[in-house]
């Protein structure tokens, strides 16, 4: 995201995670499934808490393309 500073993950982890999660949701809802899947996969590596980990999980089967 262009408006976030370079070290936003270190300085504002919760905010950055929330923004990226909402972006993935928007991508999913607008049909950009590949982008949403990539963003969720990246978020799963950045999750710092159990709650964040649960938000970053893909549906069963590991893909947003599966019902």
PDB file of N, CA and C in Angstrom:
ATOM      1  N   UNK A   1       0.848  -1.172   0.000  1.00  0.00           N
ATOM      2  CA  UNK A   1       0.000   0.000   0.000  1.00  0.00           C
ATOM      3  C   UNK A   1       0.891   1.231   0.000  1.00  0.00           C
ATOM      4  N   UNK A   2       0.655   2.064  -0.941  1.00  0.00           N
ATOM      5  CA  UNK A   2       1.540   3.194  -1.195  1.00  0.00           C
ATOM      6  C   UNK A   2       1.604   4.202  -0.054  1.00  0.00           C
ATOM      7  N   UNK A   3       0.579   4.330   0.746  1.00  0.00           N
ATOM      8  CA  UNK A   3       0.579   5.345   1.792  1.00  0.00           C
ATOM      9  C   UNK A   3       1.255   4.899   3.081  1.00  0.00           C
ATOM     10  N   UNK A   4       1.545   3.630   3.208  1.00  0.00           N
ATOM     11  CA  UNK A   4       2.211   3.145   4.411  1.00  0.00           C
ATOM     12  C   UNK A   4       3.720   3.324   4.291  1.00  0.00           C
ATOM     13  N   UNK A   5       4.358   3.640   5.416  1.00  0.00           N
ATOM     14  CA  UNK A   5       5.804   3.811   5.419  1.00  0.00           C
ATOM     15  C   UNK A   5       6.488   2.448   5.345  1.00  0.00           C
ATOM     16  N   UNK A   6       7.767   2.464   4.997  1.00  0.00           N
ATOM     17  CA  UNK A   6       8.544   1.236   4.808  1.00  0.00           C
ATOM     18  C   UNK A   6       8.454   0.282   5.993  1.00  0.00           C
ATOM     19  N   UNK A   7       8.528   0.806   7.205  1.00  0.00           N
ATOM     20  CA  UNK A   7       8.567  -0.046   8.387  1.00  0.00           C
ATOM     21  C   UNK A   7       7.204  -0.165   9.085  1.00  0.00           C
ATOM     22  N   UNK A   8       6.133  -0.041   8.318  1.00  0.00           N
ATOM     23  CA  UNK A   8       4.785  -0.081   8.911  1.00  0.00           C
ATOM     24  C   UNK A   8       4.493  -1.405   9.610  1.00  0.00           C
ATOM     25  N   UNK A   9       5.057  -2.500   9.089  1.00  0.00           N
ATOM     26  CA  UNK A   9       4.826  -3.800   9.741  1.00  0.00           C
ATOM     27  C   UNK A   9       5.453  -3.826  11.127  1.00  0.00           C
ATOM     28  N   UNK A  10       6.577  -3.155  11.301  1.00  0.00           N
ATOM     29  CA  UNK A  10       7.236  -3.119  12.595  1.00  0.00           C
ATOM     30  C   UNK A  10       6.614  -2.076  13.529  1.00  0.00           C
ATOM     31  N   UNK A  11       6.297  -0.908  12.989  1.00  0.00           N
ATOM     32  CA  UNK A  11       5.801   0.189  13.817  1.00  0.00           C
ATOM     33  C   UNK A  11       4.309   0.101  14.111  1.00  0.00           C
ATOM     34  N   UNK A  12       3.524  -0.348  13.152  1.00  0.00           N
ATOM     35  CA  UNK A  12       2.057  -0.365  13.289  1.00  0.00           C
ATOM     36  C   UNK A  12       1.515  -1.695  12.786  1.00  0.00           C
ATOM     37  N   UNK A  13       1.955  -2.791  13.391  1.00  0.00           N
ATOM     38  CA  UNK A  13       1.604  -4.124  12.926  1.00  0.00           C
ATOM     39  C   UNK A  13       0.088  -4.334  12.844  1.00  0.00           C
ATOM     40  N   UNK A  14      -0.638  -4.023  13.911  1.00  0.00           N
ATOM     41  CA  UNK A  14      -2.085  -4.279  13.939  1.00  0.00           C
ATOM     42  C   UNK A  14      -2.806  -3.511  12.838  1.00  0.00           C
ATOM     43  N   UNK A  15      -2.461  -2.242  12.659  1.00  0.00           N
ATOM     44  CA  UNK A  15      -3.091  -1.435  11.617  1.00  0.00           C
ATOM     45  C   UNK A  15      -2.765  -1.979  10.229  1.00  0.00           C
ATOM     46  N   UNK A  16      -1.506  -2.280   9.998  1.00  0.00           N
ATOM     47  CA  UNK A  16      -1.091  -2.790   8.692  1.00  0.00           C
ATOM     48  C   UNK A  16      -1.763  -4.118   8.388  1.00  0.00           C
ATOM     49  N   UNK A  17      -1.831  -4.998   9.379  1.00  0.00           N
ATOM     50  CA  UNK A  17      -2.495  -6.285   9.184  1.00  0.00           C
ATOM     51  C   UNK A  17      -3.966  -6.080   8.837  1.00  0.00           C
ATOM     52  N   UNK A  18      -4.642  -5.207   9.577  1.00  0.00           N
ATOM     53  CA  UNK A  18      -6.066  -4.949   9.336  1.00  0.00           C
ATOM     54  C   UNK A  18      -6.300  -4.382   7.937  1.00  0.00           C
ATOM     55  N   UNK A  19      -5.471  -3.444   7.523  1.00  0.00           N
ATOM     56  CA  UNK A  19      -5.623  -2.861   6.186  1.00  0.00           C
ATOM     57  C   UNK A  19      -5.417  -3.899   5.092  1.00  0.00           C
ATOM     58  N   UNK A  20      -4.400  -4.723   5.248  1.00  0.00           N
ATOM     59  CA  UNK A  20      -4.134  -5.762   4.257  1.00  0.00           C
ATOM     60  C   UNK A  20      -5.250  -6.811   4.235  1.00  0.00           C
ATOM     61  N   UNK A  21      -5.790  -7.142   5.399  1.00  0.00           N
ATOM     62  CA  UNK A  21      -6.891  -8.095   5.467  1.00  0.00           C
ATOM     63  C   UNK A  21      -8.130  -7.542   4.768  1.00  0.00           C
ATOM     64  N   UNK A  22      -8.424  -6.268   4.999  1.00  0.00           N
ATOM     65  CA  UNK A  22      -9.580  -5.649   4.331  1.00  0.00           C
ATOM     66  C   UNK A  22      -9.364  -5.565   2.818  1.00  0.00           C
ATOM     67  N   UNK A  23      -8.127  -5.328   2.416  1.00  0.00           N
ATOM     68  CA  UNK A  23      -7.826  -5.309   0.980  1.00  0.00           C
ATOM     69  C   UNK A  23      -8.066  -6.683   0.364  1.00  0.00           C
ATOM     70  N   UNK A  24      -7.651  -7.735   1.064  1.00  0.00           N
ATOM     71  CA  UNK A  24      -7.892  -9.097   0.575  1.00  0.00           C
ATOM     72  C   UNK A  24      -9.392  -9.368   0.470  1.00  0.00           C
ATOM     73  N   UNK A  25     -10.153  -8.887   1.448  1.00  0.00           N
ATOM     74  CA  UNK A  25     -11.604  -9.070   1.410  1.00  0.00           C
ATOM     75  C   UNK A  25     -12.205  -8.356   0.199  1.00  0.00           C
ATOM     76  N   UNK A  26     -11.759  -7.135  -0.058  1.00  0.00           N
ATOM     77  CA  UNK A  26     -12.250  -6.390  -1.224  1.00  0.00           C
ATOM     78  C   UNK A  26     -11.896  -7.108  -2.524  1.00  0.00           C
ATOM     79  N   UNK A  27     -10.673  -7.623  -2.591  1.00  0.00           N
ATOM     80  CA  UNK A  27     -10.263  -8.365  -3.786  1.00  0.00           C
ATOM     81  C   UNK A  27     -11.151  -9.583  -3.983  1.00  0.00           C
ATOM     82  N   UNK A  28     -11.424 -10.296  -2.915  1.00  0.00           N
ATOM     83  CA  UNK A  28     -12.277 -11.477  -2.994  1.00  0.00           C
ATOM     84  C   UNK A  28     -13.683 -11.103  -3.467  1.00  0.00           C
ATOM     85  N   UNK A  29     -14.248 -10.065  -2.867  1.00  0.00           N
ATOM     86  CA  UNK A  29     -15.625  -9.672  -3.194  1.00  0.00           C
ATOM     87  C   UNK A  29     -15.777  -9.117  -4.603  1.00  0.00           C
ATOM     88  N   UNK A  30     -14.690  -8.599  -5.163  1.00  0.00           N
ATOM     89  CA  UNK A  30     -14.751  -8.058  -6.521  1.00  0.00           C
ATOM     90  C   UNK A  30     -14.285  -9.056  -7.572  1.00  0.00           C
ATOM     91  N   UNK A  31     -14.035 -10.289  -7.129  1.00  0.00           N
ATOM     92  CA  UNK A  31     -13.693 -11.339  -8.081  1.00  0.00           C
ATOM     93  C   UNK A  31     -12.217 -11.489  -8.382  1.00  0.00           C
ATOM     94  N   UNK A  32     -11.371 -10.733  -7.685  1.00  0.00           N
ATOM     95  CA  UNK A  32      -9.923 -10.854  -7.880  1.00  0.00           C
ATOM     96  C   UNK A  32      -9.412 -11.958  -6.954  1.00  0.00           C
ATOM     97  N   UNK A  33      -9.818 -13.189  -7.261  1.00  0.00           N
ATOM     98  CA  UNK A  33      -9.563 -14.309  -6.364  1.00  0.00           C
ATOM     99  C   UNK A  33      -8.082 -14.648  -6.229  1.00  0.00           C
ATOM    100  N   UNK A  34      -7.343 -14.603  -7.308  1.00  0.00           N
ATOM    101  CA  UNK A  34      -5.913 -14.919  -7.243  1.00  0.00           C
ATOM    102  C   UNK A  34      -5.180 -13.917  -6.355  1.00  0.00           C
ATOM    103  N   UNK A  35      -5.514 -12.644  -6.500  1.00  0.00           N
ATOM    104  CA  UNK A  35      -4.878 -11.610  -5.687  1.00  0.00           C
ATOM    105  C   UNK A  35      -5.246 -11.779  -4.216  1.00  0.00           C
ATOM    106  N   UNK A  36      -6.517 -12.077  -3.940  1.00  0.00           N
ATOM    107  CA  UNK A  36      -6.959 -12.290  -2.560  1.00  0.00           C
ATOM    108  C   UNK A  36      -6.226 -13.472  -1.947  1.00  0.00           C
ATOM    109  N   UNK A  37      -6.089 -14.537  -2.711  1.00  0.00           N
ATOM    110  CA  UNK A  37      -5.409 -15.729  -2.212  1.00  0.00           C
ATOM    111  C   UNK A  37      -3.940 -15.438  -1.910  1.00  0.00           C
ATOM    112  N   UNK A  38      -3.273 -14.697  -2.796  1.00  0.00           N
ATOM    113  CA  UNK A  38      -1.870 -14.338  -2.566  1.00  0.00           C
ATOM    114  C   UNK A  38      -1.730 -13.461  -1.322  1.00  0.00           C
ATOM    115  N   UNK A  39      -2.627 -12.498  -1.160  1.00  0.00           N
ATOM    116  CA  UNK A  39      -2.556 -11.592  -0.018  1.00  0.00           C
ATOM    117  C   UNK A  39      -2.800 -12.354   1.286  1.00  0.00           C
ATOM    118  N   UNK A  40      -3.768 -13.265   1.293  1.00  0.00           N
ATOM    119  CA  UNK A  40      -4.042 -14.048   2.499  1.00  0.00           C
ATOM    120  C   UNK A  40      -2.866 -14.956   2.846  1.00  0.00           C
ATOM    121  N   UNK A  41      -2.236 -15.507   1.838  1.00  0.00           N
ATOM    122  CA  UNK A  41      -1.061 -16.349   2.086  1.00  0.00           C
ATOM    123  C   UNK A  41       0.062 -15.521   2.698  1.00  0.00           C
ATOM    124  N   UNK A  42       0.275 -14.320   2.179  1.00  0.00           N
ATOM    125  CA  UNK A  42       1.306 -13.438   2.728  1.00  0.00           C
ATOM    126  C   UNK A  42       0.953 -13.020   4.154  1.00  0.00           C
ATOM    127  N   UNK A  43      -0.322 -12.741   4.396  1.00  0.00           N
ATOM    128  CA  UNK A  43      -0.756 -12.351   5.739  1.00  0.00           C
ATOM    129  C   UNK A  43      -0.551 -13.475   6.744  1.00  0.00           C
ATOM    130  N   UNK A  44      -0.727 -14.709   6.311  1.00  0.00           N
ATOM    131  CA  UNK A  44      -0.574 -15.824   7.243  1.00  0.00           C
ATOM    132  C   UNK A  44       0.859 -15.906   7.772  1.00  0.00           C
ATOM    133  N   UNK A  45       1.822 -15.419   7.015  1.00  0.00           N
ATOM    134  CA  UNK A  45       3.208 -15.423   7.490  1.00  0.00           C
ATOM    135  C   UNK A  45       3.498 -14.253   8.415  1.00  0.00           C
ATOM    136  N   UNK A  46       2.634 -13.248   8.407  1.00  0.00           N
ATOM    137  CA  UNK A  46       2.828 -12.055   9.235  1.00  0.00           C
ATOM    138  C   UNK A  46       1.988 -12.082  10.509  1.00  0.00           C
ATOM    139  N   UNK A  47       1.139 -13.064  10.659  1.00  0.00           N
ATOM    140  CA  UNK A  47       0.244 -13.121  11.820  1.00  0.00           C
ATOM    141  C   UNK A  47       1.055 -13.206  13.104  1.00  0.00           C
ATOM    142  N   UNK A  48       0.741 -12.309  14.057  1.00  0.00           N
ATOM    143  CA  UNK A  48       1.480 -12.260  15.318  1.00  0.00           C
ATOM    144  C   UNK A  48       0.664 -12.803  16.484  1.00  0.00           C
ATOM    145  N   UNK A  49      -0.640 -12.966  16.284  1.00  0.00           N
ATOM    146  CA  UNK A  49      -1.502 -13.450  17.364  1.00  0.00           C
ATOM    147  C   UNK A  49      -2.394 -14.569  16.839  1.00  0.00           C
ATOM    148  N   UNK A  50      -3.025 -15.271  17.747  1.00  0.00           N
ATOM    149  CA  UNK A  50      -3.951 -16.334  17.365  1.00  0.00           C
ATOM    150  C   UNK A  50      -5.116 -15.769  16.565  1.00  0.00           C
ATOM    151  N   UNK A  51      -5.603 -14.614  16.957  1.00  0.00           N
ATOM    152  CA  UNK A  51      -6.716 -13.977  16.240  1.00  0.00           C
ATOM    153  C   UNK A  51      -6.301 -13.642  14.814  1.00  0.00           C
ATOM    154  N   UNK A  52      -5.125 -13.066  14.645  1.00  0.00           N
ATOM    155  CA  UNK A  52      -4.648 -12.751  13.299  1.00  0.00           C
ATOM    156  C   UNK A  52      -4.479 -14.025  12.482  1.00  0.00           C
ATOM    157  N   UNK A  53      -3.961 -15.070  13.105  1.00  0.00           N
ATOM    158  CA  UNK A  53      -3.785 -16.337  12.396  1.00  0.00           C
ATOM    159  C   UNK A  53      -5.125 -16.860  11.910  1.00  0.00           C
ATOM    160  N   UNK A  54      -6.164 -16.759  12.726  1.00  0.00           N
ATOM    161  CA  UNK A  54      -7.484 -17.253  12.325  1.00  0.00           C
ATOM    162  C   UNK A  54      -8.066 -16.429  11.186  1.00  0.00           C
ATOM    163  N   UNK A  55      -7.757 -15.139  11.134  1.00  0.00           N
ATOM    164  CA  UNK A  55      -8.252 -14.291  10.042  1.00  0.00           C
ATOM    165  C   UNK A  55      -7.545 -14.583   8.727  1.00  0.00           C
ATOM    166  N   UNK A  56      -6.314 -15.008   8.806  1.00  0.00           N
ATOM    167  CA  UNK A  56      -5.535 -15.234   7.599  1.00  0.00           C
ATOM    168  C   UNK A  56      -5.721 -16.594   6.980  1.00  0.00           C
ATOM    169  N   UNK A  57      -6.503 -17.472   7.607  1.00  0.00           N
ATOM    170  CA  UNK A  57      -6.668 -18.837   7.079  1.00  0.00           C
ATOM    171  C   UNK A  57      -7.534 -18.851   5.831  1.00  0.00           C
ATOM    172  N   UNK A  58      -7.117 -19.668   4.902  1.00  0.00           N
ATOM    173  CA  UNK A  58      -7.909 -19.893   3.701  1.00  0.00           C
ATOM    174  C   UNK A  58      -9.001 -20.912   4.019  1.00  0.00           C
ATOM    175  N   UNK A  59     -10.059 -20.941   3.241  1.00  0.00           N
ATOM    176  CA  UNK A  59     -11.097 -21.939   3.452  1.00  0.00           C
ATOM    177  C   UNK A  59     -10.532 -23.363   3.329  1.00  0.00           C
ATOM    178  N   UNK A  60     -11.254 -24.324   3.819  1.00  0.00           N
ATOM    179  CA  UNK A  60     -10.830 -25.731   3.724  1.00  0.00           C
ATOM    180  C   UNK A  60     -10.456 -26.044   2.283  1.00  0.00           C
ATOM    181  N   UNK A  61      -9.365 -26.733   2.108  1.00  0.00           N
ATOM    182  CA  UNK A  61      -8.877 -27.014   0.763  1.00  0.00           C
ATOM    183  C   UNK A  61      -7.797 -26.055   0.329  1.00  0.00           C
ATOM    184  N   UNK A  62      -7.620 -24.949   1.063  1.00  0.00           N
ATOM    185  CA  UNK A  62      -6.516 -24.051   0.832  1.00  0.00           C
ATOM    186  C   UNK A  62      -6.653 -23.070  -0.316  1.00  0.00           C
ATOM    187  N   UNK A  63      -7.849 -22.840  -0.803  1.00  0.00           N
ATOM    188  CA  UNK A  63      -8.006 -21.919  -1.917  1.00  0.00           C
ATOM    189  C   UNK A  63      -9.303 -21.136  -1.774  1.00  0.00           C
ATOM    190  N   UNK A  64      -9.254 -19.853  -2.161  1.00  0.00           N
ATOM    191  CA  UNK A  64     -10.473 -19.056  -2.156  1.00  0.00           C
ATOM    192  C   UNK A  64     -11.385 -19.445  -3.312  1.00  0.00           C
ATOM    193  N   UNK A  65     -10.874 -20.246  -4.241  1.00  0.00           N
ATOM    194  CA  UNK A  65     -11.676 -20.682  -5.391  1.00  0.00           C
ATOM    195  C   UNK A  65     -12.645 -21.801  -5.018  1.00  0.00           C
ATOM    196  N   UNK A  66     -12.388 -22.517  -3.914  1.00  0.00           N
ATOM    197  CA  UNK A  66     -13.250 -23.615  -3.504  1.00  0.00           C
ATOM    198  C   UNK A  66     -14.452 -23.084  -2.755  1.00  0.00           C
ATOM    199  N   UNK A  67     -15.627 -23.689  -2.943  1.00  0.00           N
ATOM    200  CA  UNK A  67     -16.811 -23.222  -2.212  1.00  0.00           C
ATOM    201  C   UNK A  67     -16.735 -23.578  -0.739  1.00  0.00           C
TER     202      UNK A  67
END
